[in-house]
Amino acid sequence: MAKQSASRLLCLLLALAGSGAVGAAPWPEAPPLLLPDAEATAQLRAGEVLVLSTAVGDSTGAARVQALFKLPAPALWSVLGNCEANFEFVRGLRECEVLTESATRATTRQHVKRSLFWRGLDYSFETVREPHVWIRIRLLEGDLKELEGSWRFDPFPAGEALLVTHEIQLRPRLPAPSWLVERTVRRDVADMMACLRWYSGGSPDGTLAQKDRQRCPD
């Protein structure tokens, strides 16, 4: 009886472990396709990085952003999977190391320190991916209590661009300043998307490339 109870408890904990992110599909299924309406499509074509949703509370932050990139998915894929490249667009990234990697799965360790007034975070995470289509992210261990997210890459109608959707939810093990959590989900995630677009060569034109570059970490 005790063994059965322990087994049921383990199953419950495993089920809860993968259920944290906003709108997340069961692990490791593809993240949902989020097609923009007519108004959002016009904004995306104008070069805006759309913040589709944000949530802040109890040291937890979550955000979902979307933008158009003028480049093929394999080119963006190679930038996201490159630790050295990540230093260019991930604010506060101090260390990055790919521990294991295959075509469809990888584990990575990162150390992030976003502010002089906040301790650094050291953690490792797993990515499961469908090459050039989507990536799902979940925490393995470290200084975060929660980390879950995804990337999705979809050809825009008529193949004019690549629709990139990124979603992230995180919570440190120790309480974080509310202003820092709010800034991260309301500004830093969108800035990261814009900087990534510039760094990968996906900005639609020279004017937008300059604006995207201005949103990169100092």
C-alpha atoms as a PDB file:
ATOM      1  CA  MET A   1       0.000   0.000   0.000  1.00  0.00           C
ATOM      2  CA  ALA A   2       2.821   2.385   0.899  1.00  0.00           C
ATOM      3  CA  LYS A   3       4.550   1.606  -2.408  1.00  0.00           C
ATOM      4  CA  GLN A   4       1.336   2.368  -4.334  1.00  0.00           C
ATOM      5  CA  SER A   5       0.898   5.681  -2.520  1.00  0.00           C
ATOM      6  CA  ALA A   6       4.499   6.643  -3.211  1.00  0.00           C
ATOM      7  CA  SER A   7       4.056   5.731  -6.874  1.00  0.00           C
ATOM      8  CA  ARG A   8       0.930   7.885  -7.159  1.00  0.00           C
ATOM      9  CA  LEU A   9       2.701  10.801  -5.478  1.00  0.00           C
ATOM     10  CA  LEU A  10       5.653  10.513  -7.881  1.00  0.00           C
ATOM     11  CA  CYS A  11       3.326  10.545 -10.877  1.00  0.00           C
ATOM     12  CA  LEU A  12       1.567  13.637  -9.537  1.00  0.00           C
ATOM     13  CA  LEU A  13       4.846  15.485  -9.012  1.00  0.00           C
ATOM     14  CA  LEU A  14       6.041  14.636 -12.519  1.00  0.00           C
ATOM     15  CA  ALA A  15       2.773  15.881 -13.965  1.00  0.00           C
ATOM     16  CA  LEU A  16       2.990  19.161 -12.071  1.00  0.00           C
ATOM     17  CA  ALA A  17       6.634  19.742 -13.021  1.00  0.00           C
ATOM     18  CA  GLY A  18       5.844  20.406 -16.648  1.00  0.00           C
ATOM     19  CA  SER A  19       2.701  22.509 -16.240  1.00  0.00           C
ATOM     20  CA  GLY A  20       3.984  25.976 -15.369  1.00  0.00           C
ATOM     21  CA  ALA A  21       4.232  28.126 -18.489  1.00  0.00           C
ATOM     22  CA  VAL A  22       1.485  30.375 -19.832  1.00  0.00           C
ATOM     23  CA  GLY A  23      -0.430  28.441 -22.477  1.00  0.00           C
ATOM     24  CA  ALA A  24       2.085  25.579 -22.415  1.00  0.00           C
ATOM     25  CA  ALA A  25       1.276  22.323 -24.169  1.00  0.00           C
ATOM     26  CA  PRO A  26       2.047  19.004 -22.462  1.00  0.00           C
ATOM     27  CA  TRP A  27       5.779  18.312 -22.604  1.00  0.00           C
ATOM     28  CA  PRO A  28       7.260  17.917 -25.163  1.00  0.00           C
ATOM     29  CA  GLU A  29       4.482  18.631 -27.689  1.00  0.00           C
ATOM     30  CA  ALA A  30       4.796  21.542 -30.086  1.00  0.00           C
ATOM     31  CA  PRO A  31       3.870  24.961 -28.694  1.00  0.00           C
ATOM     32  CA  PRO A  32       0.575  26.313 -30.053  1.00  0.00           C
ATOM     33  CA  LEU A  33       0.424  28.187 -33.348  1.00  0.00           C
ATOM     34  CA  LEU A  34      -0.648  31.785 -32.637  1.00  0.00           C
ATOM     35  CA  LEU A  35      -1.691  33.479 -35.877  1.00  0.00           C
ATOM     36  CA  PRO A  36      -2.037  37.287 -35.736  1.00  0.00           C
ATOM     37  CA  ASP A  37      -5.279  39.030 -36.638  1.00  0.00           C
ATOM     38  CA  ALA A  38      -5.434  41.766 -39.299  1.00  0.00           C
ATOM     39  CA  GLU A  39      -4.368  44.555 -36.918  1.00  0.00           C
ATOM     40  CA  ALA A  40      -1.476  42.562 -35.469  1.00  0.00           C
ATOM     41  CA  THR A  41      -0.385  41.527 -38.975  1.00  0.00           C
ATOM     42  CA  ALA A  42      -0.118  45.183 -39.990  1.00  0.00           C
ATOM     43  CA  GLN A  43       1.934  45.937 -36.878  1.00  0.00           C
ATOM     44  CA  LEU A  44       4.233  42.989 -37.511  1.00  0.00           C
ATOM     45  CA  ARG A  45       4.758  44.037 -41.141  1.00  0.00           C
ATOM     46  CA  ALA A  46       5.673  47.503 -39.852  1.00  0.00           C
ATOM     47  CA  GLY A  47       8.481  45.870 -37.867  1.00  0.00           C
ATOM     48  CA  GLU A  48       6.990  45.954 -34.381  1.00  0.00           C
ATOM     49  CA  VAL A  49       7.806  43.336 -31.756  1.00  0.00           C
ATOM     50  CA  LEU A  50       4.402  42.478 -30.314  1.00  0.00           C
ATOM     51  CA  VAL A  51       4.024  41.690 -26.622  1.00  0.00           C
ATOM     52  CA  LEU A  52       1.065  39.312 -26.739  1.00  0.00           C
ATOM     53  CA  SER A  53       0.803  38.751 -22.985  1.00  0.00           C
ATOM     54  CA  THR A  54       2.636  39.326 -19.714  1.00  0.00           C
ATOM     55  CA  ALA A  55       2.070  38.264 -16.119  1.00  0.00           C
ATOM     56  CA  VAL A  56       3.878  39.292 -12.949  1.00  0.00           C
ATOM     57  CA  GLY A  57       3.339  38.051  -9.411  1.00  0.00           C
ATOM     58  CA  ASP A  58       5.045  36.473  -6.411  1.00  0.00           C
ATOM     59  CA  SER A  59       8.525  36.824  -7.990  1.00  0.00           C
ATOM     60  CA  THR A  60       7.197  35.032 -11.093  1.00  0.00           C
ATOM     61  CA  GLY A  61       7.284  36.563 -14.556  1.00  0.00           C
ATOM     62  CA  ALA A  62       5.832  35.331 -17.825  1.00  0.00           C
ATOM     63  CA  ALA A  63       5.761  36.838 -21.302  1.00  0.00           C
ATOM     64  CA  ARG A  64       4.835  35.928 -24.859  1.00  0.00           C
ATOM     65  CA  VAL A  65       6.228  37.957 -27.780  1.00  0.00           C
ATOM     66  CA  GLN A  66       6.066  37.741 -31.556  1.00  0.00           C
ATOM     67  CA  ALA A  67       7.914  39.333 -34.484  1.00  0.00           C
ATOM     68  CA  LEU A  68       8.636  38.907 -38.185  1.00  0.00           C
ATOM     69  CA  PHE A  69      12.158  37.986 -39.312  1.00  0.00           C
ATOM     70  CA  LYS A  70      13.372  38.350 -42.884  1.00  0.00           C
ATOM     71  CA  LEU A  71      15.495  35.220 -42.946  1.00  0.00           C
ATOM     72  CA  PRO A  72      15.010  31.437 -43.261  1.00  0.00           C
ATOM     73  CA  ALA A  73      14.358  29.378 -40.135  1.00  0.00           C
ATOM     74  CA  PRO A  74      17.659  27.399 -40.339  1.00  0.00           C
ATOM     75  CA  ALA A  75      19.667  30.648 -40.111  1.00  0.00           C
ATOM     76  CA  LEU A  76      17.844  31.758 -36.968  1.00  0.00           C
ATOM     77  CA  TRP A  77      18.037  28.220 -35.552  1.00  0.00           C
ATOM     78  CA  SER A  78      21.834  28.243 -35.766  1.00  0.00           C
ATOM     79  CA  VAL A  79      22.050  31.552 -33.861  1.00  0.00           C
ATOM     80  CA  LEU A  80      19.755  30.446 -31.033  1.00  0.00           C
ATOM     81  CA  GLY A  81      21.734  27.231 -30.569  1.00  0.00           C
ATOM     82  CA  ASN A  82      25.085  29.038 -30.402  1.00  0.00           C
ATOM     83  CA  CYS A  83      26.171  29.893 -26.845  1.00  0.00           C
ATOM     84  CA  GLU A  84      28.641  32.538 -28.026  1.00  0.00           C
ATOM     85  CA  ALA A  85      25.905  34.276 -30.010  1.00  0.00           C
ATOM     86  CA  ASN A  86      23.576  34.294 -26.998  1.00  0.00           C
ATOM     87  CA  PHE A  87      25.875  36.748 -25.201  1.00  0.00           C
ATOM     88  CA  GLU A  88      24.922  39.347 -27.814  1.00  0.00           C
ATOM     89  CA  PHE A  89      21.159  39.379 -27.186  1.00  0.00           C
ATOM     90  CA  VAL A  90      20.460  37.816 -23.741  1.00  0.00           C
ATOM     91  CA  ARG A  91      20.683  40.570 -21.143  1.00  0.00           C
ATOM     92  CA  GLY A  92      22.868  39.700 -18.151  1.00  0.00           C
ATOM     93  CA  LEU A  93      24.229  36.434 -19.594  1.00  0.00           C
ATOM     94  CA  ARG A  94      27.675  35.816 -18.063  1.00  0.00           C
ATOM     95  CA  GLU A  95      28.310  32.121 -18.799  1.00  0.00           C
ATOM     96  CA  CYS A  96      26.835  29.675 -21.307  1.00  0.00           C
ATOM     97  CA  GLU A  97      27.827  26.073 -21.960  1.00  0.00           C
ATOM     98  CA  VAL A  98      26.121  23.369 -24.027  1.00  0.00           C
ATOM     99  CA  LEU A  99      26.548  20.202 -21.949  1.00  0.00           C
ATOM    100  CA  THR A 100      24.982  17.667 -24.320  1.00  0.00           C
ATOM    101  CA  GLU A 101      23.452  18.016 -27.761  1.00  0.00           C
ATOM    102  CA  SER A 102      21.802  16.025 -30.525  1.00  0.00           C
ATOM    103  CA  ALA A 103      19.597  17.043 -33.445  1.00  0.00           C
ATOM    104  CA  THR A 104      16.458  16.976 -31.295  1.00  0.00           C
ATOM    105  CA  ARG A 105      17.607  17.481 -27.688  1.00  0.00           C
ATOM    106  CA  ALA A 106      20.189  19.468 -25.710  1.00  0.00           C
ATOM    107  CA  THR A 107      21.103  20.440 -22.150  1.00  0.00           C
ATOM    108  CA  THR A 108      22.649  23.840 -21.428  1.00  0.00           C
ATOM    109  CA  ARG A 109      24.049  25.598 -18.377  1.00  0.00           C
ATOM    110  CA  GLN A 110      23.845  29.372 -18.013  1.00  0.00           C
ATOM    111  CA  HIS A 111      24.838  31.968 -15.447  1.00  0.00           C
ATOM    112  CA  VAL A 112      22.856  35.218 -15.550  1.00  0.00           C
ATOM    113  CA  LYS A 113      23.389  38.359 -13.497  1.00  0.00           C
ATOM    114  CA  ARG A 114      21.067  41.150 -14.570  1.00  0.00           C
ATOM    115  CA  SER A 115      21.846  43.762 -11.931  1.00  0.00           C
ATOM    116  CA  LEU A 116      24.614  44.799  -9.536  1.00  0.00           C
ATOM    117  CA  PHE A 117      21.983  44.725  -6.799  1.00  0.00           C
ATOM    118  CA  TRP A 118      20.747  41.172  -7.458  1.00  0.00           C
ATOM    119  CA  ARG A 119      22.624  37.907  -7.034  1.00  0.00           C
ATOM    120  CA  GLY A 120      23.501  35.912 -10.118  1.00  0.00           C
ATOM    121  CA  LEU A 121      21.534  32.830 -11.146  1.00  0.00           C
ATOM    122  CA  ASP A 122      23.198  29.572 -12.170  1.00  0.00           C
ATOM    123  CA  TYR A 123      20.952  26.926 -13.722  1.00  0.00           C
ATOM    124  CA  SER A 124      20.727  24.233 -16.373  1.00  0.00           C
ATOM    125  CA  PHE A 125      17.850  23.490 -18.696  1.00  0.00           C
ATOM    126  CA  GLU A 126      16.766  20.994 -21.313  1.00  0.00           C
ATOM    127  CA  THR A 127      15.525  21.772 -24.803  1.00  0.00           C
ATOM    128  CA  VAL A 128      13.538  19.363 -26.934  1.00  0.00           C
ATOM    129  CA  ARG A 129      13.118  20.480 -30.501  1.00  0.00           C
ATOM    130  CA  GLU A 130      11.732  19.808 -33.936  1.00  0.00           C
ATOM    131  CA  PRO A 131      14.542  21.197 -36.122  1.00  0.00           C
ATOM    132  CA  HIS A 132      13.682  24.547 -37.730  1.00  0.00           C
ATOM    133  CA  VAL A 133      10.065  24.324 -36.508  1.00  0.00           C
ATOM    134  CA  TRP A 134       9.893  24.635 -32.706  1.00  0.00           C
ATOM    135  CA  ILE A 135      11.813  24.396 -29.425  1.00  0.00           C
ATOM    136  CA  ARG A 136      10.524  23.665 -25.934  1.00  0.00           C
ATOM    137  CA  ILE A 137      12.498  24.564 -22.792  1.00  0.00           C
ATOM    138  CA  ARG A 138      12.289  23.297 -19.213  1.00  0.00           C
ATOM    139  CA  LEU A 139      14.394  23.596 -16.079  1.00  0.00           C
ATOM    140  CA  LEU A 140      16.641  20.765 -14.909  1.00  0.00           C
ATOM    141  CA  GLU A 141      18.287  22.261 -11.803  1.00  0.00           C
ATOM    142  CA  GLY A 142      19.813  25.386 -10.319  1.00  0.00           C
ATOM    143  CA  ASP A 143      18.878  28.720  -8.774  1.00  0.00           C
ATOM    144  CA  LEU A 144      15.469  28.905 -10.449  1.00  0.00           C
ATOM    145  CA  LYS A 145      12.294  27.438  -9.046  1.00  0.00           C
ATOM    146  CA  GLU A 146      10.579  27.603 -12.431  1.00  0.00           C
ATOM    147  CA  LEU A 147      11.800  27.937 -15.996  1.00  0.00           C
ATOM    148  CA  GLU A 148       9.677  26.920 -18.929  1.00  0.00           C
ATOM    149  CA  GLY A 149       9.303  28.308 -22.395  1.00  0.00           C
ATOM    150  CA  SER A 150       9.228  27.773 -26.123  1.00  0.00           C
ATOM    151  CA  TRP A 151      10.139  29.084 -29.561  1.00  0.00           C
ATOM    152  CA  ARG A 152       8.119  28.571 -32.698  1.00  0.00           C
ATOM    153  CA  PHE A 153       9.076  29.427 -36.295  1.00  0.00           C
ATOM    154  CA  ASP A 154       6.297  29.624 -38.916  1.00  0.00           C
ATOM    155  CA  PRO A 155       6.477  30.807 -42.543  1.00  0.00           C
ATOM    156  CA  PHE A 156       4.336  33.910 -42.895  1.00  0.00           C
ATOM    157  CA  PRO A 157       1.694  33.904 -45.694  1.00  0.00           C
ATOM    158  CA  ALA A 158       3.245  33.912 -49.172  1.00  0.00           C
ATOM    159  CA  GLY A 159       6.627  33.172 -47.604  1.00  0.00           C
ATOM    160  CA  GLU A 160       7.367  36.870 -47.149  1.00  0.00           C
ATOM    161  CA  ALA A 161       8.916  36.381 -43.710  1.00  0.00           C
ATOM    162  CA  LEU A 162       9.306  34.078 -40.727  1.00  0.00           C
ATOM    163  CA  LEU A 163       6.812  34.480 -37.871  1.00  0.00           C
ATOM    164  CA  VAL A 164       8.761  33.937 -34.639  1.00  0.00           C
ATOM    165  CA  THR A 165       6.878  33.388 -31.373  1.00  0.00           C
ATOM    166  CA  HIS A 166       8.694  33.161 -28.039  1.00  0.00           C
ATOM    167  CA  GLU A 167       7.199  32.382 -24.642  1.00  0.00           C
ATOM    168  CA  ILE A 168       8.964  32.269 -21.268  1.00  0.00           C
ATOM    169  CA  GLN A 169       8.049  31.860 -17.600  1.00  0.00           C
ATOM    170  CA  LEU A 170      10.546  31.976 -14.745  1.00  0.00           C
ATOM    171  CA  ARG A 171      10.743  32.258 -10.971  1.00  0.00           C
ATOM    172  CA  PRO A 172      13.964  32.374  -8.908  1.00  0.00           C
ATOM    173  CA  ARG A 173      14.276  30.204  -5.796  1.00  0.00           C
ATOM    174  CA  LEU A 174      14.870  33.329  -3.719  1.00  0.00           C
ATOM    175  CA  PRO A 175      12.497  36.326  -3.929  1.00  0.00           C
ATOM    176  CA  ALA A 176      13.442  38.798  -6.647  1.00  0.00           C
ATOM    177  CA  PRO A 177      12.749  42.548  -6.583  1.00  0.00           C
ATOM    178  CA  SER A 178       9.314  43.150  -8.093  1.00  0.00           C
ATOM    179  CA  TRP A 179      10.675  45.954 -10.303  1.00  0.00           C
ATOM    180  CA  LEU A 180      13.239  43.600 -11.813  1.00  0.00           C
ATOM    181  CA  VAL A 181      10.692  40.871 -12.562  1.00  0.00           C
ATOM    182  CA  GLU A 182       8.330  43.404 -14.102  1.00  0.00           C
ATOM    183  CA  ARG A 183      11.052  44.975 -16.244  1.00  0.00           C
ATOM    184  CA  THR A 184      12.199  41.565 -17.420  1.00  0.00           C
ATOM    185  CA  VAL A 185       8.779  40.444 -18.671  1.00  0.00           C
ATOM    186  CA  ARG A 186       7.475  43.801 -19.901  1.00  0.00           C
ATOM    187  CA  ARG A 187      10.606  45.107 -21.621  1.00  0.00           C
ATOM    188  CA  ASP A 188      13.622  42.807 -21.636  1.00  0.00           C
ATOM    189  CA  VAL A 189      11.947  39.883 -23.441  1.00  0.00           C
ATOM    190  CA  ALA A 190      10.745  42.146 -26.276  1.00  0.00           C
ATOM    191  CA  ASP A 191      14.150  43.869 -26.427  1.00  0.00           C
ATOM    192  CA  MET A 192      15.818  40.469 -26.660  1.00  0.00           C
ATOM    193  CA  MET A 193      13.607  39.530 -29.624  1.00  0.00           C
ATOM    194  CA  ALA A 194      14.453  42.794 -31.409  1.00  0.00           C
ATOM    195  CA  CYS A 195      18.183  42.382 -30.741  1.00  0.00           C
ATOM    196  CA  LEU A 196      18.069  38.767 -31.921  1.00  0.00           C
ATOM    197  CA  ARG A 197      16.440  39.938 -35.148  1.00  0.00           C
ATOM    198  CA  TRP A 198      19.248  42.428 -35.725  1.00  0.00           C
ATOM    199  CA  TYR A 199      22.042  40.015 -34.777  1.00  0.00           C
ATOM    200  CA  SER A 200      20.703  37.218 -36.986  1.00  0.00           C
ATOM    201  CA  GLY A 201      20.325  39.556 -39.970  1.00  0.00           C
ATOM    202  CA  GLY A 202      16.544  39.276 -39.911  1.00  0.00           C
ATOM    203  CA  SER A 203      15.578  42.962 -39.621  1.00  0.00           C
ATOM    204  CA  PRO A 204      13.315  43.908 -42.562  1.00  0.00           C
ATOM    205  CA  ASP A 205      15.331  46.973 -43.625  1.00  0.00           C
ATOM    206  CA  GLY A 206      18.207  49.212 -42.606  1.00  0.00           C
ATOM    207  CA  THR A 207      16.108  51.628 -40.561  1.00  0.00           C
ATOM    208  CA  LEU A 208      14.572  48.828 -38.502  1.00  0.00           C
ATOM    209  CA  ALA A 209      17.960  47.138 -38.158  1.00  0.00           C
ATOM    210  CA  GLN A 210      19.279  50.280 -36.486  1.00  0.00           C
ATOM    211  CA  LYS A 211      16.298  50.417 -34.131  1.00  0.00           C
ATOM    212  CA  ASP A 212      16.650  46.719 -33.323  1.00  0.00           C
ATOM    213  CA  ARG A 213      20.354  47.203 -32.597  1.00  0.00           C
ATOM    214  CA  GLN A 214      19.565  49.974 -30.114  1.00  0.00           C
ATOM    215  CA  ARG A 215      17.568  47.468 -28.043  1.00  0.00           C
ATOM    216  CA  CYS A 216      20.545  45.138 -27.517  1.00  0.00           C
ATOM    217  CA  PRO A 217      22.205  44.842 -24.074  1.00  0.00           C
ATOM    218  CA  ASP A 218      24.832  47.488 -23.350  1.00  0.00           C
END
